[in-house]
């Protein structure tokens, strides 16, 4: 089926990534790093502000959990928007997060995921996305959100160069414009940066100050 996504140059680029690199393995690296970072939080940290404007760590963590379950459902062809409704944190947020992360990793590890069509109603209901597009979206989210959580906790986060190279290519084609200013937007307007850190470049492109909270 031909959709609007087939004619968008940036989405054609994302589709081609699936034939160039192992997106499933790279996404798993990003998600497992996020598990390591989240595992370092304490209950007192949940009230802290994050680099995501307007979100405490509590809100960000609930968002991250919800997105894992939403993407996992989409990998199985489920397109009900209610599956993306924000999930409240339970008594053990770290365990909640780990369960959600392992769930999406298992879903993405199934055979043929990159060849499937993903309904992503949080993005649009006008068309479905290819597996490569959807996994690319998930990957960039969890590179950036891992950084968000680490900075909130006053820590650093490290990713392998091959993962950062792919994440940068995805970040560079994330649409800008007024959508970046909408309430609850995951990515803010581009911020000026300097230096040779690829991770700093990625987060700046997606609206985070590499020197946050300064």
N, C-alpha and C. Protein backbone atom coordinates (compact mmCIF):
# COMPACT_ATOMS: atom_id res chain seq x y z
N UNK A 1 0.85 -1.19 0.00
CA UNK A 1 0.00 0.00 0.00
C UNK A 1 0.88 1.24 0.00
N UNK A 2 0.58 2.17 -0.87
CA UNK A 2 1.31 3.43 -0.90
C UNK A 2 0.69 4.40 0.09
N UNK A 3 1.52 5.03 0.92
CA UNK A 3 1.05 5.98 1.91
C UNK A 3 1.84 7.26 1.78
N UNK A 4 1.40 8.28 2.52
CA UNK A 4 2.14 9.53 2.54
C UNK A 4 3.57 9.31 2.98
N UNK A 5 3.79 8.31 3.85
CA UNK A 5 5.14 8.09 4.35
C UNK A 5 6.08 7.62 3.26
N UNK A 6 5.52 7.02 2.20
CA UNK A 6 6.38 6.53 1.13
C UNK A 6 7.00 7.65 0.32
N UNK A 7 6.41 8.84 0.38
CA UNK A 7 6.89 9.94 -0.43
C UNK A 7 7.75 10.91 0.36
N UNK A 8 7.88 10.72 1.66
CA UNK A 8 8.67 11.62 2.49
C UNK A 8 10.13 11.20 2.45
N UNK A 9 11.03 12.07 1.99
CA UNK A 9 12.45 11.68 1.90
C UNK A 9 13.03 11.20 3.21
N UNK A 10 12.65 11.86 4.33
CA UNK A 10 13.23 11.47 5.61
C UNK A 10 12.78 10.07 6.01
N UNK A 11 11.54 9.70 5.67
CA UNK A 11 11.07 8.37 6.03
C UNK A 11 11.66 7.31 5.10
N UNK A 12 11.90 7.67 3.83
CA UNK A 12 12.60 6.73 2.96
C UNK A 12 14.00 6.44 3.50
N UNK A 13 14.63 7.48 4.08
CA UNK A 13 15.96 7.29 4.68
C UNK A 13 15.89 6.32 5.84
N UNK A 14 14.87 6.45 6.68
CA UNK A 14 14.73 5.55 7.82
C UNK A 14 14.48 4.12 7.36
N UNK A 15 13.68 3.95 6.31
CA UNK A 15 13.44 2.61 5.79
C UNK A 15 14.74 1.96 5.33
N UNK A 16 15.59 2.75 4.70
CA UNK A 16 16.84 2.19 4.17
C UNK A 16 17.79 1.78 5.29
N UNK A 17 17.65 2.38 6.48
CA UNK A 17 18.51 2.00 7.59
C UNK A 17 18.38 0.52 7.92
N UNK A 18 17.18 0.00 7.76
CA UNK A 18 16.94 -1.39 8.09
C UNK A 18 17.73 -2.37 7.25
N UNK A 19 18.19 -1.94 6.09
CA UNK A 19 19.00 -2.80 5.23
C UNK A 19 20.49 -2.55 5.40
N UNK A 20 20.85 -1.50 6.15
CA UNK A 20 22.25 -1.11 6.29
C UNK A 20 22.86 -1.54 7.63
N UNK A 21 22.06 -1.53 8.67
CA UNK A 21 22.55 -1.85 10.02
C UNK A 21 21.53 -2.75 10.71
N UNK A 22 21.94 -3.34 11.82
CA UNK A 22 21.04 -4.19 12.60
C UNK A 22 20.28 -3.31 13.59
N UNK A 23 19.17 -2.77 13.11
CA UNK A 23 18.38 -1.84 13.94
C UNK A 23 17.87 -2.51 15.21
N UNK A 24 17.51 -3.77 15.11
CA UNK A 24 16.97 -4.46 16.29
C UNK A 24 18.04 -4.55 17.37
N UNK A 25 19.25 -4.91 17.00
CA UNK A 25 20.33 -5.02 17.98
C UNK A 25 20.71 -3.65 18.54
N UNK A 26 20.76 -2.64 17.69
CA UNK A 26 21.12 -1.30 18.16
C UNK A 26 20.05 -0.75 19.08
N UNK A 27 18.79 -0.97 18.73
CA UNK A 27 17.70 -0.53 19.61
C UNK A 27 17.80 -1.23 20.96
N UNK A 28 18.12 -2.52 20.93
CA UNK A 28 18.26 -3.26 22.19
C UNK A 28 19.38 -2.68 23.04
N UNK A 29 20.48 -2.24 22.42
CA UNK A 29 21.55 -1.59 23.17
C UNK A 29 21.02 -0.34 23.89
N UNK A 30 20.25 0.47 23.15
CA UNK A 30 19.72 1.71 23.74
C UNK A 30 18.79 1.39 24.90
N UNK A 31 17.92 0.41 24.72
CA UNK A 31 16.95 0.07 25.76
C UNK A 31 17.65 -0.52 26.98
N UNK A 32 18.62 -1.38 26.77
CA UNK A 32 19.32 -1.98 27.91
C UNK A 32 20.13 -0.91 28.67
N UNK A 33 20.65 0.06 27.95
CA UNK A 33 21.31 1.18 28.63
C UNK A 33 20.30 1.95 29.47
N UNK A 34 19.10 2.14 28.94
CA UNK A 34 18.08 2.84 29.71
C UNK A 34 17.72 2.08 30.98
N UNK A 35 17.70 0.75 30.92
CA UNK A 35 17.42 -0.05 32.12
C UNK A 35 18.51 0.19 33.17
N UNK A 36 19.76 0.20 32.72
CA UNK A 36 20.87 0.43 33.65
C UNK A 36 20.76 1.80 34.32
N UNK A 37 20.40 2.81 33.55
CA UNK A 37 20.32 4.16 34.09
C UNK A 37 19.14 4.28 35.05
N UNK A 38 17.98 3.78 34.64
CA UNK A 38 16.79 3.87 35.49
C UNK A 38 17.00 3.11 36.78
N UNK A 39 17.76 2.03 36.74
CA UNK A 39 17.98 1.21 37.94
C UNK A 39 18.73 1.95 39.04
N UNK A 40 19.30 3.11 38.72
CA UNK A 40 20.06 3.88 39.69
C UNK A 40 19.22 4.91 40.45
N UNK A 41 17.95 5.06 40.08
CA UNK A 41 17.14 6.08 40.74
C UNK A 41 16.65 5.62 42.11
N UNK A 42 16.28 6.57 42.93
CA UNK A 42 15.66 6.31 44.23
C UNK A 42 14.29 6.98 44.24
N UNK A 43 13.42 6.60 45.15
CA UNK A 43 12.09 7.24 45.19
C UNK A 43 12.17 8.76 45.29
N UNK A 44 13.16 9.28 46.01
CA UNK A 44 13.28 10.73 46.16
C UNK A 44 13.59 11.42 44.83
N UNK A 45 14.18 10.68 43.89
CA UNK A 45 14.54 11.27 42.60
C UNK A 45 13.33 11.54 41.72
N UNK A 46 12.21 10.89 41.98
CA UNK A 46 11.07 10.97 41.07
C UNK A 46 10.49 12.38 40.98
N UNK A 47 10.70 13.19 41.99
CA UNK A 47 10.17 14.55 41.97
C UNK A 47 11.10 15.55 41.28
N UNK A 48 12.27 15.10 40.85
CA UNK A 48 13.25 16.01 40.26
C UNK A 48 12.84 16.45 38.85
N UNK A 49 13.17 17.67 38.47
CA UNK A 49 12.94 18.10 37.08
C UNK A 49 13.90 17.38 36.15
N UNK A 50 13.53 17.27 34.90
CA UNK A 50 14.35 16.59 33.90
C UNK A 50 14.63 17.56 32.74
N UNK A 51 15.54 17.17 31.84
CA UNK A 51 15.76 18.00 30.65
C UNK A 51 14.55 18.09 29.72
N UNK A 52 13.56 17.23 29.92
CA UNK A 52 12.29 17.33 29.18
C UNK A 52 11.47 18.42 29.84
N UNK A 53 11.33 19.55 29.18
CA UNK A 53 10.68 20.72 29.78
C UNK A 53 9.30 20.37 30.34
N UNK A 54 9.09 20.71 31.61
CA UNK A 54 7.80 20.50 32.24
C UNK A 54 7.59 19.12 32.82
N UNK A 55 8.54 18.22 32.67
CA UNK A 55 8.38 16.85 33.18
C UNK A 55 9.30 16.59 34.35
N UNK A 56 8.74 16.04 35.42
CA UNK A 56 9.57 15.48 36.48
C UNK A 56 10.03 14.10 36.04
N UNK A 57 10.93 13.51 36.81
CA UNK A 57 11.38 12.17 36.49
C UNK A 57 10.22 11.18 36.58
N UNK A 58 9.29 11.42 37.49
CA UNK A 58 8.11 10.57 37.61
C UNK A 58 7.34 10.55 36.28
N UNK A 59 7.08 11.74 35.73
CA UNK A 59 6.34 11.82 34.48
C UNK A 59 7.11 11.22 33.32
N UNK A 60 8.40 11.48 33.27
CA UNK A 60 9.21 10.95 32.18
C UNK A 60 9.24 9.43 32.23
N UNK A 61 9.40 8.87 33.41
CA UNK A 61 9.46 7.42 33.54
C UNK A 61 8.14 6.77 33.12
N UNK A 62 7.03 7.38 33.53
CA UNK A 62 5.72 6.87 33.12
C UNK A 62 5.58 6.92 31.60
N UNK A 63 6.05 8.00 31.00
CA UNK A 63 6.03 8.13 29.54
C UNK A 63 6.87 7.05 28.88
N UNK A 64 8.07 6.82 29.39
CA UNK A 64 8.95 5.81 28.80
C UNK A 64 8.33 4.41 28.87
N UNK A 65 7.72 4.11 29.99
CA UNK A 65 7.05 2.81 30.15
C UNK A 65 5.90 2.67 29.16
N UNK A 66 5.09 3.71 29.07
CA UNK A 66 3.94 3.70 28.17
C UNK A 66 4.38 3.50 26.72
N UNK A 67 5.44 4.19 26.32
CA UNK A 67 5.93 4.07 24.95
C UNK A 67 6.42 2.65 24.65
N UNK A 68 7.07 2.03 25.60
CA UNK A 68 7.49 0.64 25.39
C UNK A 68 6.29 -0.25 25.07
N UNK A 69 5.24 -0.14 25.87
CA UNK A 69 4.07 -0.98 25.63
C UNK A 69 3.36 -0.60 24.34
N UNK A 70 3.33 0.70 24.02
CA UNK A 70 2.69 1.13 22.78
C UNK A 70 3.41 0.58 21.56
N UNK A 71 4.73 0.69 21.53
CA UNK A 71 5.50 0.18 20.40
C UNK A 71 5.40 -1.34 20.31
N UNK A 72 5.40 -2.01 21.45
CA UNK A 72 5.27 -3.47 21.44
C UNK A 72 3.92 -3.88 20.84
N UNK A 73 2.86 -3.19 21.22
CA UNK A 73 1.54 -3.49 20.66
C UNK A 73 1.53 -3.23 19.16
N UNK A 74 2.14 -2.12 18.75
CA UNK A 74 2.18 -1.78 17.33
C UNK A 74 2.93 -2.82 16.52
N UNK A 75 3.96 -3.43 17.11
CA UNK A 75 4.72 -4.45 16.39
C UNK A 75 3.86 -5.66 16.06
N UNK A 76 2.78 -5.84 16.82
CA UNK A 76 1.84 -6.93 16.56
C UNK A 76 0.63 -6.49 15.77
N UNK A 77 0.66 -5.24 15.26
CA UNK A 77 -0.41 -4.74 14.42
C UNK A 77 -1.56 -4.10 15.17
N UNK A 78 -1.41 -3.90 16.47
CA UNK A 78 -2.50 -3.29 17.25
C UNK A 78 -2.43 -1.77 17.16
N UNK A 79 -3.51 -1.15 16.71
CA UNK A 79 -3.51 0.29 16.47
C UNK A 79 -4.46 1.09 17.34
N UNK A 80 -4.89 0.51 18.46
CA UNK A 80 -5.83 1.21 19.35
C UNK A 80 -5.09 2.29 20.13
N UNK A 81 -5.53 3.53 20.00
CA UNK A 81 -4.88 4.65 20.67
C UNK A 81 -4.88 4.49 22.19
N UNK A 82 -5.87 3.76 22.73
CA UNK A 82 -5.93 3.59 24.19
C UNK A 82 -4.72 2.82 24.72
N UNK A 83 -4.05 2.08 23.86
CA UNK A 83 -2.87 1.34 24.29
C UNK A 83 -1.69 2.26 24.59
N UNK A 84 -1.82 3.52 24.16
CA UNK A 84 -0.78 4.52 24.39
C UNK A 84 -1.13 5.45 25.55
N UNK A 85 -2.23 5.15 26.25
CA UNK A 85 -2.63 5.98 27.39
C UNK A 85 -1.59 5.85 28.50
N UNK A 86 -1.24 6.98 29.12
CA UNK A 86 -0.18 7.01 30.12
C UNK A 86 -0.45 6.01 31.24
N UNK A 87 0.54 5.20 31.54
CA UNK A 87 0.43 4.19 32.60
C UNK A 87 1.01 4.74 33.90
N UNK A 88 0.27 4.69 34.99
CA UNK A 88 0.80 5.18 36.27
C UNK A 88 1.90 4.27 36.79
N UNK A 89 2.81 4.84 37.55
CA UNK A 89 3.87 4.05 38.17
C UNK A 89 3.32 3.27 39.35
N UNK A 90 3.85 2.07 39.55
CA UNK A 90 3.47 1.27 40.70
C UNK A 90 4.39 1.51 41.88
N UNK A 91 4.36 0.61 42.84
CA UNK A 91 5.16 0.77 44.06
C UNK A 91 6.65 0.59 43.80
N UNK A 92 7.00 -0.10 42.72
CA UNK A 92 8.40 -0.33 42.39
C UNK A 92 8.65 0.15 40.95
N UNK A 93 8.91 1.45 40.78
CA UNK A 93 9.06 2.00 39.42
C UNK A 93 10.19 1.36 38.63
N UNK A 94 11.26 0.96 39.30
CA UNK A 94 12.37 0.33 38.59
C UNK A 94 11.92 -1.01 38.01
N UNK A 95 11.20 -1.80 38.79
CA UNK A 95 10.69 -3.08 38.30
C UNK A 95 9.68 -2.86 37.18
N UNK A 96 8.83 -1.83 37.34
CA UNK A 96 7.87 -1.50 36.29
C UNK A 96 8.60 -1.18 34.99
N UNK A 97 9.66 -0.39 35.11
CA UNK A 97 10.38 0.00 33.91
C UNK A 97 11.07 -1.21 33.27
N UNK A 98 11.71 -2.01 34.07
CA UNK A 98 12.40 -3.18 33.52
C UNK A 98 11.42 -4.11 32.80
N UNK A 99 10.25 -4.32 33.38
CA UNK A 99 9.25 -5.19 32.76
C UNK A 99 8.80 -4.64 31.42
N UNK A 100 8.58 -3.33 31.36
CA UNK A 100 8.15 -2.71 30.10
C UNK A 100 9.24 -2.82 29.04
N UNK A 101 10.48 -2.58 29.46
CA UNK A 101 11.60 -2.63 28.52
C UNK A 101 11.81 -4.05 27.99
N UNK A 102 11.76 -5.02 28.87
CA UNK A 102 11.94 -6.40 28.43
C UNK A 102 10.79 -6.83 27.51
N UNK A 103 9.60 -6.29 27.76
CA UNK A 103 8.44 -6.63 26.93
C UNK A 103 8.65 -6.13 25.49
N UNK A 104 9.08 -4.89 25.33
CA UNK A 104 9.26 -4.39 23.97
C UNK A 104 10.45 -5.06 23.30
N UNK A 105 11.50 -5.36 24.04
CA UNK A 105 12.64 -6.06 23.45
C UNK A 105 12.22 -7.44 22.93
N UNK A 106 11.42 -8.15 23.69
CA UNK A 106 10.94 -9.46 23.24
C UNK A 106 10.06 -9.33 22.00
N UNK A 107 9.23 -8.29 21.97
CA UNK A 107 8.35 -8.08 20.82
C UNK A 107 9.15 -7.77 19.56
N UNK A 108 10.16 -6.92 19.70
CA UNK A 108 10.98 -6.54 18.55
C UNK A 108 11.89 -7.68 18.08
N UNK A 109 12.18 -8.63 18.97
CA UNK A 109 13.07 -9.74 18.63
C UNK A 109 12.37 -10.83 17.82
N UNK A 110 11.06 -10.72 17.65
CA UNK A 110 10.33 -11.72 16.87
C UNK A 110 10.76 -11.66 15.41
N UNK A 111 10.63 -12.76 14.73
CA UNK A 111 11.02 -12.82 13.32
C UNK A 111 10.22 -11.85 12.46
N UNK A 112 10.91 -11.17 11.55
CA UNK A 112 10.23 -10.36 10.54
C UNK A 112 9.70 -9.03 11.01
N UNK A 113 10.13 -8.55 12.18
CA UNK A 113 9.58 -7.29 12.69
C UNK A 113 9.83 -6.13 11.73
N UNK A 114 11.01 -6.07 11.15
CA UNK A 114 11.31 -4.95 10.26
C UNK A 114 10.49 -4.99 8.97
N UNK A 115 9.90 -6.14 8.68
CA UNK A 115 9.08 -6.26 7.47
C UNK A 115 7.60 -5.99 7.74
N UNK A 116 7.26 -5.74 8.99
CA UNK A 116 5.85 -5.50 9.34
C UNK A 116 5.47 -4.03 9.15
N UNK A 117 4.17 -3.79 9.17
CA UNK A 117 3.65 -2.42 9.22
C UNK A 117 3.23 -2.13 10.65
N UNK A 118 3.62 -0.96 11.14
CA UNK A 118 3.33 -0.56 12.51
C UNK A 118 2.28 0.55 12.52
N UNK A 119 1.11 0.33 13.12
CA UNK A 119 0.20 1.44 13.37
C UNK A 119 0.69 2.23 14.59
N UNK A 120 0.92 3.52 14.41
CA UNK A 120 1.40 4.36 15.51
C UNK A 120 0.44 5.54 15.65
N UNK A 121 -0.73 5.30 16.27
CA UNK A 121 -1.76 6.33 16.32
C UNK A 121 -1.35 7.57 17.10
N UNK A 122 -0.35 7.47 17.97
CA UNK A 122 0.14 8.66 18.66
C UNK A 122 0.83 9.62 17.69
N UNK A 123 1.36 9.07 16.61
CA UNK A 123 2.01 9.87 15.58
C UNK A 123 0.99 10.34 14.54
N UNK A 124 0.26 9.39 13.96
CA UNK A 124 -0.76 9.68 12.96
C UNK A 124 -1.62 8.45 12.76
N UNK A 125 -2.87 8.67 12.40
CA UNK A 125 -3.76 7.55 12.03
C UNK A 125 -3.96 7.51 10.53
N UNK A 126 -3.26 8.38 9.79
CA UNK A 126 -3.44 8.46 8.34
C UNK A 126 -2.77 7.32 7.60
N UNK A 127 -1.74 6.76 8.18
CA UNK A 127 -1.02 5.66 7.54
C UNK A 127 -0.23 4.90 8.59
N UNK A 128 0.29 3.75 8.18
CA UNK A 128 1.15 2.96 9.06
C UNK A 128 2.61 3.13 8.63
N UNK A 129 3.51 2.77 9.52
CA UNK A 129 4.94 2.93 9.29
C UNK A 129 5.58 1.57 9.07
N UNK A 130 6.69 1.59 8.36
CA UNK A 130 7.44 0.35 8.20
C UNK A 130 8.10 -0.02 9.52
N UNK A 131 8.51 -1.28 9.62
CA UNK A 131 9.21 -1.71 10.83
C UNK A 131 10.47 -0.92 11.07
N UNK A 132 11.23 -0.64 10.00
CA UNK A 132 12.48 0.12 10.15
C UNK A 132 12.21 1.52 10.67
N UNK A 133 11.17 2.16 10.16
CA UNK A 133 10.81 3.49 10.65
C UNK A 133 10.47 3.45 12.13
N UNK A 134 9.59 2.50 12.49
CA UNK A 134 9.12 2.43 13.88
C UNK A 134 10.27 2.12 14.84
N UNK A 135 11.11 1.17 14.50
CA UNK A 135 12.23 0.83 15.38
C UNK A 135 13.20 2.01 15.48
N UNK A 136 13.38 2.75 14.38
CA UNK A 136 14.22 3.94 14.41
C UNK A 136 13.67 4.99 15.38
N UNK A 137 12.34 5.17 15.35
CA UNK A 137 11.71 6.11 16.28
C UNK A 137 11.98 5.69 17.73
N UNK A 138 11.80 4.41 17.98
CA UNK A 138 11.99 3.89 19.34
C UNK A 138 13.44 4.05 19.76
N UNK A 139 14.36 3.74 18.87
CA UNK A 139 15.79 3.85 19.18
C UNK A 139 16.17 5.26 19.59
N UNK A 140 15.76 6.25 18.81
CA UNK A 140 16.17 7.63 19.13
C UNK A 140 15.54 8.07 20.44
N UNK A 141 14.31 7.64 20.70
CA UNK A 141 13.67 7.98 21.98
C UNK A 141 14.51 7.50 23.16
N UNK A 142 15.03 6.28 23.06
CA UNK A 142 15.68 5.70 24.24
C UNK A 142 17.15 6.04 24.34
N UNK A 143 17.75 6.52 23.28
CA UNK A 143 19.05 7.18 23.42
C UNK A 143 18.87 8.48 24.18
N UNK A 144 17.92 9.29 23.72
CA UNK A 144 17.73 10.61 24.33
C UNK A 144 17.16 10.50 25.74
N UNK A 145 16.18 9.63 25.94
CA UNK A 145 15.59 9.53 27.28
C UNK A 145 16.56 8.89 28.28
N UNK A 146 17.46 8.03 27.82
CA UNK A 146 18.50 7.53 28.72
C UNK A 146 19.38 8.69 29.19
N UNK A 147 19.70 9.57 28.26
CA UNK A 147 20.48 10.76 28.61
C UNK A 147 19.69 11.64 29.57
N UNK A 148 18.39 11.81 29.30
CA UNK A 148 17.53 12.62 30.17
C UNK A 148 17.58 12.10 31.62
N UNK A 149 17.40 10.80 31.76
CA UNK A 149 17.37 10.21 33.11
C UNK A 149 18.74 10.34 33.77
N UNK A 150 19.79 10.05 33.02
CA UNK A 150 21.13 10.14 33.59
C UNK A 150 21.42 11.54 34.08
N UNK A 151 21.10 12.55 33.27
CA UNK A 151 21.35 13.93 33.70
C UNK A 151 20.52 14.30 34.91
N UNK A 152 19.30 13.83 34.96
CA UNK A 152 18.44 14.10 36.11
C UNK A 152 19.07 13.56 37.39
N UNK A 153 19.74 12.42 37.27
CA UNK A 153 20.37 11.77 38.42
C UNK A 153 21.79 12.27 38.67
N UNK A 154 22.25 13.22 37.85
CA UNK A 154 23.60 13.74 38.00
C UNK A 154 24.66 12.76 37.55
N UNK A 155 24.31 11.91 36.59
CA UNK A 155 25.22 10.89 36.10
C UNK A 155 25.48 11.08 34.61
N UNK A 156 26.38 10.29 34.07
CA UNK A 156 26.64 10.29 32.64
C UNK A 156 26.17 8.96 32.06
N UNK A 157 26.03 8.94 30.73
CA UNK A 157 25.61 7.72 30.05
C UNK A 157 26.50 7.54 28.83
N UNK A 158 26.79 6.29 28.51
CA UNK A 158 27.69 6.00 27.39
C UNK A 158 27.00 5.07 26.40
N UNK A 159 27.19 5.36 25.10
CA UNK A 159 26.70 4.50 24.04
C UNK A 159 27.86 4.19 23.09
N UNK A 160 27.82 3.03 22.47
CA UNK A 160 28.83 2.67 21.48
C UNK A 160 28.74 3.59 20.27
N UNK A 161 29.88 3.74 19.60
CA UNK A 161 29.94 4.65 18.45
C UNK A 161 28.97 4.25 17.34
N UNK A 162 28.79 2.94 17.10
CA UNK A 162 27.90 2.53 16.01
C UNK A 162 26.46 2.90 16.30
N UNK A 163 26.07 2.82 17.57
CA UNK A 163 24.71 3.23 17.95
C UNK A 163 24.56 4.74 17.81
N UNK A 164 25.54 5.49 18.26
CA UNK A 164 25.46 6.95 18.16
C UNK A 164 25.40 7.41 16.71
N UNK A 165 26.12 6.73 15.82
CA UNK A 165 26.10 7.11 14.40
C UNK A 165 24.70 6.97 13.82
N UNK A 166 24.03 5.88 14.15
CA UNK A 166 22.67 5.68 13.67
C UNK A 166 21.71 6.67 14.34
N UNK A 167 21.87 6.86 15.64
CA UNK A 167 21.00 7.79 16.34
C UNK A 167 21.12 9.20 15.78
N UNK A 168 22.33 9.62 15.43
CA UNK A 168 22.53 10.94 14.84
C UNK A 168 21.83 11.04 13.50
N UNK A 169 21.92 10.01 12.69
CA UNK A 169 21.25 10.06 11.39
C UNK A 169 19.74 10.16 11.54
N UNK A 170 19.19 9.54 12.58
CA UNK A 170 17.75 9.65 12.84
C UNK A 170 17.42 11.03 13.38
N UNK A 171 18.21 11.52 14.33
CA UNK A 171 17.94 12.83 14.92
C UNK A 171 17.93 13.93 13.87
N UNK A 172 18.80 13.80 12.89
CA UNK A 172 18.93 14.85 11.88
C UNK A 172 17.71 14.95 10.97
N UNK A 173 16.87 13.93 10.95
CA UNK A 173 15.69 14.00 10.09
C UNK A 173 14.38 14.05 10.88
N UNK A 174 14.47 14.20 12.20
CA UNK A 174 13.25 14.43 13.00
C UNK A 174 12.68 15.79 12.60
N UNK A 175 11.40 15.84 12.24
CA UNK A 175 10.82 17.11 11.81
C UNK A 175 10.92 18.19 12.88
N UNK A 176 11.15 19.42 12.44
CA UNK A 176 11.19 20.56 13.35
C UNK A 176 9.89 21.34 13.26
N UNK A 177 9.97 22.64 13.43
CA UNK A 177 8.79 23.48 13.27
C UNK A 177 7.94 23.58 14.52
N UNK A 178 6.70 24.06 14.37
CA UNK A 178 5.81 24.33 15.51
C UNK A 178 5.52 23.12 16.39
N UNK A 179 5.60 21.90 15.80
CA UNK A 179 5.30 20.71 16.60
C UNK A 179 6.26 20.57 17.77
N UNK A 180 7.46 21.10 17.64
CA UNK A 180 8.44 21.01 18.72
C UNK A 180 8.04 21.88 19.92
N UNK A 181 7.12 22.83 19.69
CA UNK A 181 6.70 23.74 20.76
C UNK A 181 5.40 23.30 21.42
N UNK A 182 4.80 22.23 20.92
CA UNK A 182 3.51 21.78 21.46
C UNK A 182 3.69 21.22 22.87
N UNK A 183 2.69 21.42 23.75
CA UNK A 183 2.79 20.86 25.11
C UNK A 183 2.99 19.35 25.06
N UNK A 184 3.94 18.85 25.86
CA UNK A 184 4.19 17.43 25.91
C UNK A 184 5.05 16.89 24.79
N UNK A 185 5.52 17.77 23.91
CA UNK A 185 6.38 17.30 22.82
C UNK A 185 7.65 16.67 23.40
N UNK A 186 8.03 15.52 22.84
CA UNK A 186 9.23 14.83 23.34
C UNK A 186 10.50 15.59 23.00
N UNK A 187 10.46 16.36 21.90
CA UNK A 187 11.66 17.05 21.43
C UNK A 187 11.38 18.54 21.27
N UNK A 188 12.24 19.37 21.86
CA UNK A 188 12.12 20.81 21.73
C UNK A 188 12.89 21.32 20.53
N UNK A 189 12.86 22.63 20.30
CA UNK A 189 13.61 23.23 19.19
C UNK A 189 15.11 22.98 19.33
N UNK A 190 15.79 22.97 18.21
CA UNK A 190 17.24 22.74 18.19
C UNK A 190 17.94 23.79 19.05
N UNK A 191 18.95 23.34 19.79
CA UNK A 191 19.75 24.21 20.65
C UNK A 191 21.18 24.23 20.12
N UNK A 192 21.79 25.41 20.13
CA UNK A 192 23.17 25.54 19.67
C UNK A 192 24.10 24.74 20.58
N UNK A 193 25.12 24.12 20.01
CA UNK A 193 26.08 23.37 20.79
C UNK A 193 27.46 23.50 20.15
N UNK A 194 28.47 23.08 20.88
CA UNK A 194 29.82 23.08 20.34
C UNK A 194 30.54 21.86 20.90
N UNK A 195 31.66 21.51 20.30
CA UNK A 195 32.43 20.37 20.77
C UNK A 195 32.32 19.21 19.80
N UNK A 196 32.93 18.09 20.17
CA UNK A 196 32.99 16.95 19.27
C UNK A 196 32.25 15.72 19.80
N UNK A 197 31.39 15.91 20.82
CA UNK A 197 30.61 14.80 21.36
C UNK A 197 29.39 14.54 20.48
N UNK A 198 29.31 13.34 19.93
CA UNK A 198 28.16 13.00 19.09
C UNK A 198 26.89 12.96 19.93
N UNK A 199 26.97 12.47 21.16
CA UNK A 199 25.78 12.43 22.01
C UNK A 199 25.30 13.85 22.31
N UNK A 200 26.22 14.77 22.58
CA UNK A 200 25.83 16.17 22.79
C UNK A 200 25.12 16.72 21.56
N UNK A 201 25.64 16.37 20.39
CA UNK A 201 25.02 16.86 19.14
C UNK A 201 23.61 16.31 18.99
N UNK A 202 23.44 15.05 19.30
CA UNK A 202 22.11 14.43 19.18
C UNK A 202 21.11 15.12 20.11
N UNK A 203 21.46 15.27 21.38
CA UNK A 203 20.50 15.84 22.32
C UNK A 203 20.23 17.31 22.00
N UNK A 204 21.23 18.04 21.49
CA UNK A 204 21.01 19.44 21.12
C UNK A 204 20.08 19.55 19.91
N UNK A 205 20.25 18.69 18.94
CA UNK A 205 19.36 18.67 17.79
C UNK A 205 17.92 18.44 18.23
N UNK A 206 17.76 17.67 19.31
CA UNK A 206 16.43 17.31 19.77
C UNK A 206 15.99 18.15 20.98
N UNK A 207 16.61 19.32 21.13
CA UNK A 207 16.07 20.31 22.05
C UNK A 207 16.55 20.26 23.47
N UNK A 208 17.65 19.53 23.73
CA UNK A 208 18.21 19.50 25.07
C UNK A 208 19.52 20.28 25.09
N UNK A 209 19.77 20.98 26.16
CA UNK A 209 21.07 21.63 26.32
C UNK A 209 22.06 20.59 26.82
N UNK A 210 23.16 20.34 26.10
CA UNK A 210 24.15 19.37 26.57
C UNK A 210 24.71 19.69 27.95
N UNK A 211 24.61 20.94 28.36
CA UNK A 211 25.14 21.34 29.67
C UNK A 211 24.05 21.41 30.74
N UNK A 212 22.83 20.90 30.42
CA UNK A 212 21.75 20.92 31.40
C UNK A 212 22.23 20.36 32.73
N UNK A 213 21.87 20.98 33.87
CA UNK A 213 20.86 22.01 34.10
C UNK A 213 21.36 23.44 34.08
N UNK A 214 22.55 23.67 33.54
CA UNK A 214 23.06 25.05 33.50
C UNK A 214 22.24 25.91 32.58
